[in-house]
């Protein structure tokens, strides 16, 4: 996979969560999200317990609450969508603070907010305790199609390269007195996007030719082989198993 690639979500540490093999954390996070999604929306108390479980994981991983909450801002578009649901959904209506809201829309908004927030929080905790390179190794260990792993690897490696290319193009525009102030400047921005696409495509071809000339035959060599003991699997799946117990109670009570 090559050298590691640090990212802003990762928070270096030596906690028990950091020490877990990446594929165990990936599987546990996926299982936790699946359990959360399967929980009936009417069991509101269950989502509070899920949040408490994630709080325990954050405590063990030594991830500060402020760090976690700041990263949760990524779900703002989903929050905006959820806020509109009570106004546009049909069915029985109820008056709340002088507003006529749909009962089904309120339940739908709560469903999106609760499950979406918990899913994003679980993902943030995963990214905070696992480096990108380890995540790729974990996906490979979990038998994800190799081509998808390679695509993700190249996206990570060359995302910063493309971003830097776009930054240089912006500086070149501004040095010539260009400022995007309205619709009439959209044509220039569209041409910039087109030029960036062509440059990226050409760079990709050059990288592929360089790889083929060095013996690339459709698969990347695995430098580190990660493995996990039964104890590590058990430790990682403490979270989804506890969540499963809450989910079962949510359906039965």
Protein backbone atom coordinates (compact mmCIF):
# COMPACT_ATOMS: atom_id res chain seq x y z
CA UNK A 1 0.00 0.00 0.00
CA UNK A 2 2.91 2.30 0.40
CA UNK A 3 3.55 4.94 3.00
CA UNK A 4 0.87 6.16 5.34
CA UNK A 5 -1.19 9.20 4.53
CA UNK A 6 -2.31 11.26 7.51
CA UNK A 7 -5.72 12.89 7.46
CA UNK A 8 -7.41 15.51 9.58
CA UNK A 9 -9.86 13.14 11.21
CA UNK A 10 -7.17 10.87 12.60
CA UNK A 11 -6.11 11.53 16.18
CA UNK A 12 -2.89 9.78 17.12
CA UNK A 13 -2.93 7.86 20.37
CA UNK A 14 -2.16 4.62 22.18
CA UNK A 15 -5.60 3.70 23.44
CA UNK A 16 -7.07 0.17 23.39
CA UNK A 17 -9.25 1.26 20.47
CA UNK A 18 -6.25 2.48 18.47
CA UNK A 19 -4.51 -0.85 19.05
CA UNK A 20 -7.28 -2.95 17.50
CA UNK A 21 -6.64 -4.32 13.99
CA UNK A 22 -8.36 -2.14 11.38
CA UNK A 23 -10.58 -4.84 9.90
CA UNK A 24 -12.09 -5.61 13.32
CA UNK A 25 -12.98 -1.95 13.79
CA UNK A 26 -14.45 -1.72 10.30
CA UNK A 27 -16.61 -4.79 10.84
CA UNK A 28 -17.70 -3.59 14.28
CA UNK A 29 -18.61 -0.12 13.00
CA UNK A 30 -20.63 -1.58 10.13
CA UNK A 31 -22.43 -3.97 12.47
CA UNK A 32 -23.21 -1.14 14.91
CA UNK A 33 -24.68 1.04 12.17
CA UNK A 34 -26.75 -1.90 10.88
CA UNK A 35 -28.17 -2.45 14.36
CA UNK A 36 -28.97 1.25 14.79
CA UNK A 37 -30.76 1.38 11.45
CA UNK A 38 -32.78 -1.72 12.41
CA UNK A 39 -34.05 -0.14 15.64
CA UNK A 40 -37.70 1.03 15.60
CA UNK A 41 -37.91 4.80 15.58
CA UNK A 42 -40.49 4.77 18.37
CA UNK A 43 -37.92 3.38 20.84
CA UNK A 44 -36.43 6.80 21.52
CA UNK A 45 -34.71 5.64 24.70
CA UNK A 46 -32.71 3.11 22.67
CA UNK A 47 -30.97 5.84 20.69
CA UNK A 48 -29.96 7.50 23.93
CA UNK A 49 -28.30 4.23 25.00
CA UNK A 50 -26.55 4.00 21.61
CA UNK A 51 -25.16 7.48 22.15
CA UNK A 52 -23.97 6.44 25.62
CA UNK A 53 -22.21 3.41 24.12
CA UNK A 54 -20.42 5.64 21.61
CA UNK A 55 -19.50 7.94 24.48
CA UNK A 56 -17.82 5.01 26.24
CA UNK A 57 -15.88 4.20 23.05
CA UNK A 58 -14.81 7.85 22.72
CA UNK A 59 -13.67 7.81 26.35
CA UNK A 60 -11.63 4.63 25.84
CA UNK A 61 -10.15 6.05 22.64
CA UNK A 62 -9.36 9.37 24.39
CA UNK A 63 -11.24 11.35 21.73
CA UNK A 64 -12.39 14.69 23.23
CA UNK A 65 -16.07 15.58 22.99
CA UNK A 66 -15.24 18.85 21.23
CA UNK A 67 -13.26 17.04 18.56
CA UNK A 68 -16.13 14.64 17.96
CA UNK A 69 -18.85 17.30 17.91
CA UNK A 70 -16.92 19.49 15.48
CA UNK A 71 -16.63 16.59 13.03
CA UNK A 72 -20.36 15.91 13.29
CA UNK A 73 -21.01 19.18 11.44
CA UNK A 74 -20.64 17.18 8.22
CA UNK A 75 -24.24 16.04 8.64
CA UNK A 76 -25.68 19.57 8.47
CA UNK A 77 -27.23 18.96 4.99
CA UNK A 78 -29.11 15.95 6.38
CA UNK A 79 -30.30 18.04 9.30
CA UNK A 80 -31.69 20.63 6.88
CA UNK A 81 -33.51 17.87 5.00
CA UNK A 82 -34.93 16.45 8.23
CA UNK A 83 -36.18 19.88 9.37
CA UNK A 84 -38.25 20.21 6.17
CA UNK A 85 -39.94 16.81 6.50
CA UNK A 86 -42.62 17.83 9.05
CA UNK A 87 -43.70 20.67 6.75
CA UNK A 88 -43.91 18.76 3.45
CA UNK A 89 -45.02 15.28 4.58
CA UNK A 90 -48.69 14.33 4.30
CA UNK A 91 -51.03 12.65 6.77
CA UNK A 92 -52.28 13.60 10.22
CA UNK A 93 -51.32 17.10 11.32
CA UNK A 94 -50.52 18.49 14.75
CA UNK A 95 -50.01 22.08 15.92
CA UNK A 96 -46.60 22.83 17.44
CA UNK A 97 -45.92 26.44 18.50
CA UNK A 98 -48.52 27.64 16.03
CA UNK A 99 -47.15 25.56 13.14
CA UNK A 100 -49.11 22.79 11.44
CA UNK A 101 -46.75 19.83 11.21
CA UNK A 102 -47.17 16.32 9.90
CA UNK A 103 -47.02 13.60 12.55
CA UNK A 104 -45.43 11.20 10.07
CA UNK A 105 -43.00 13.93 9.07
CA UNK A 106 -41.98 14.49 12.70
CA UNK A 107 -41.30 10.79 13.14
CA UNK A 108 -39.38 10.74 9.87
CA UNK A 109 -37.29 13.75 10.90
CA UNK A 110 -36.48 12.12 14.22
CA UNK A 111 -35.59 8.87 12.46
CA UNK A 112 -33.17 10.62 10.08
CA UNK A 113 -31.58 12.77 12.77
CA UNK A 114 -31.12 10.03 15.36
CA UNK A 115 -29.84 7.28 13.08
CA UNK A 116 -27.84 9.62 10.87
CA UNK A 117 -26.10 11.28 13.82
CA UNK A 118 -25.21 7.96 15.40
CA UNK A 119 -23.91 6.61 12.09
CA UNK A 120 -21.76 9.68 11.48
CA UNK A 121 -20.47 9.57 15.07
CA UNK A 122 -19.45 5.93 14.67
CA UNK A 123 -17.67 6.77 11.41
CA UNK A 124 -15.86 9.71 13.00
CA UNK A 125 -14.68 7.53 15.88
CA UNK A 126 -13.45 4.94 13.38
CA UNK A 127 -11.54 7.58 11.39
CA UNK A 128 -10.21 9.16 14.59
CA UNK A 129 -8.58 5.92 15.72
CA UNK A 130 -7.53 4.39 12.39
CA UNK A 131 -5.14 5.78 9.81
CA UNK A 132 -6.24 5.84 6.19
CA UNK A 133 -3.59 3.34 5.20
CA UNK A 134 -4.82 0.96 7.91
CA UNK A 135 -8.40 1.37 6.73
CA UNK A 136 -7.35 0.30 3.25
CA UNK A 137 -5.51 -2.70 4.67
CA UNK A 138 -8.60 -3.54 6.71
CA UNK A 139 -10.83 -3.38 3.65
CA UNK A 140 -8.42 -5.64 1.83
CA UNK A 141 -8.43 -8.05 4.76
CA UNK A 142 -12.24 -8.10 4.71
CA UNK A 143 -12.07 -9.28 1.07
CA UNK A 144 -13.43 -6.10 -0.52
CA UNK A 145 -12.93 -6.31 -4.31
CA UNK A 146 -9.25 -5.43 -4.94
CA UNK A 147 -10.14 -2.98 -7.70
CA UNK A 148 -12.26 -0.91 -5.30
CA UNK A 149 -9.45 -0.88 -2.74
CA UNK A 150 -6.99 0.29 -5.40
CA UNK A 151 -9.34 3.06 -6.54
CA UNK A 152 -9.76 4.24 -2.95
CA UNK A 153 -6.00 4.11 -2.45
CA UNK A 154 -5.31 6.30 -5.48
CA UNK A 155 -8.06 8.73 -4.48
CA UNK A 156 -6.34 9.21 -1.13
CA UNK A 157 -2.89 9.50 -2.64
CA UNK A 158 -3.73 11.96 -5.39
CA UNK A 159 -6.56 13.92 -3.76
CA UNK A 160 -4.05 16.39 -2.34
CA UNK A 161 -2.26 16.58 -5.69
CA UNK A 162 -5.48 17.58 -7.48
CA UNK A 163 -6.35 20.04 -4.71
CA UNK A 164 -2.94 21.67 -5.04
CA UNK A 165 -3.40 21.86 -8.81
CA UNK A 166 -6.71 23.65 -8.31
CA UNK A 167 -5.07 26.04 -5.84
CA UNK A 168 -2.39 26.98 -8.39
CA UNK A 169 -5.04 27.59 -11.04
CA UNK A 170 -6.95 29.84 -8.65
CA UNK A 171 -3.79 31.82 -7.88
CA UNK A 172 -3.11 32.18 -11.62
CA UNK A 173 -6.65 33.56 -12.17
CA UNK A 174 -6.41 36.00 -9.30
CA UNK A 175 -2.96 37.20 -10.39
CA UNK A 176 -4.62 38.27 -13.65
CA UNK A 177 -7.29 40.23 -11.81
CA UNK A 178 -10.11 37.68 -12.02
CA UNK A 179 -12.72 37.54 -9.25
CA UNK A 180 -15.86 35.42 -9.45
CA UNK A 181 -18.62 37.87 -8.54
CA UNK A 182 -21.66 36.64 -10.42
CA UNK A 183 -23.26 34.41 -13.01
CA UNK A 184 -21.30 36.01 -15.82
CA UNK A 185 -18.10 34.51 -14.39
CA UNK A 186 -19.44 30.96 -14.32
CA UNK A 187 -18.06 30.33 -17.81
CA UNK A 188 -14.51 30.91 -16.60
CA UNK A 189 -15.04 28.61 -13.62
CA UNK A 190 -16.48 25.94 -15.92
CA UNK A 191 -13.41 26.16 -18.15
CA UNK A 192 -11.23 25.81 -15.05
CA UNK A 193 -13.10 22.65 -14.05
CA UNK A 194 -12.68 21.27 -17.58
CA UNK A 195 -8.96 22.03 -17.62
CA UNK A 196 -8.56 20.41 -14.22
CA UNK A 197 -10.35 17.28 -15.45
CA UNK A 198 -8.09 17.02 -18.51
CA UNK A 199 -4.94 17.50 -16.45
CA UNK A 200 -6.09 14.91 -13.93
CA UNK A 201 -6.91 12.44 -16.70
CA UNK A 202 -3.51 12.94 -18.33
CA UNK A 203 -1.78 12.57 -14.97
CA UNK A 204 -3.66 9.32 -14.39
CA UNK A 205 -2.49 7.96 -17.74
CA UNK A 206 1.12 8.85 -16.95
CA UNK A 207 0.89 7.20 -13.52
CA UNK A 208 -0.63 4.06 -15.05
CA UNK A 209 2.10 3.82 -17.68
CA UNK A 210 4.74 4.26 -14.99
CA UNK A 211 3.17 1.48 -12.93
CA UNK A 212 2.94 -0.89 -15.92
CA UNK A 213 6.59 -0.24 -16.76
CA UNK A 214 7.43 -1.34 -13.20
CA UNK A 215 5.53 -4.60 -13.44
CA UNK A 216 1.99 -3.69 -12.41
CA UNK A 217 -0.41 -6.45 -13.52
CA UNK A 218 -3.72 -5.43 -11.95
CA UNK A 219 -3.01 -5.94 -8.26
CA UNK A 220 -1.01 -4.03 -5.67
CA UNK A 221 1.52 -5.80 -3.43
CA UNK A 222 0.54 -6.16 0.22
CA UNK A 223 3.36 -4.88 2.42
CA UNK A 224 1.74 -5.48 5.81
CA UNK A 225 -0.47 -8.48 6.52
CA UNK A 226 -2.78 -7.59 9.41
CA UNK A 227 -4.37 -10.28 11.54
CA UNK A 228 -6.55 -10.35 14.63
CA UNK A 229 -6.86 -12.75 17.53
CA UNK A 230 -10.14 -14.05 18.90
CA UNK A 231 -9.75 -11.74 21.90
CA UNK A 232 -9.38 -8.70 19.64
CA UNK A 233 -12.48 -9.67 17.67
CA UNK A 234 -14.40 -10.08 20.92
CA UNK A 235 -13.21 -6.71 22.21
CA UNK A 236 -14.12 -4.97 18.95
CA UNK A 237 -17.59 -6.51 18.81
CA UNK A 238 -18.47 -5.50 22.36
CA UNK A 239 -20.07 -2.34 20.93
CA UNK A 240 -22.33 -3.91 18.26
CA UNK A 241 -23.32 -6.78 20.56
CA UNK A 242 -24.34 -4.35 23.30
CA UNK A 243 -26.24 -2.35 20.69
CA UNK A 244 -27.94 -5.54 19.48
CA UNK A 245 -29.21 -6.21 23.00
CA UNK A 246 -30.66 -2.70 23.11
CA UNK A 247 -32.24 -3.20 19.68
CA UNK A 248 -33.91 -6.45 20.77
CA UNK A 249 -35.34 -4.69 23.83
CA UNK A 250 -36.54 -1.89 21.58
CA UNK A 251 -38.57 -4.35 19.50
CA UNK A 252 -39.94 -6.32 22.44
CA UNK A 253 -40.85 -3.57 24.93
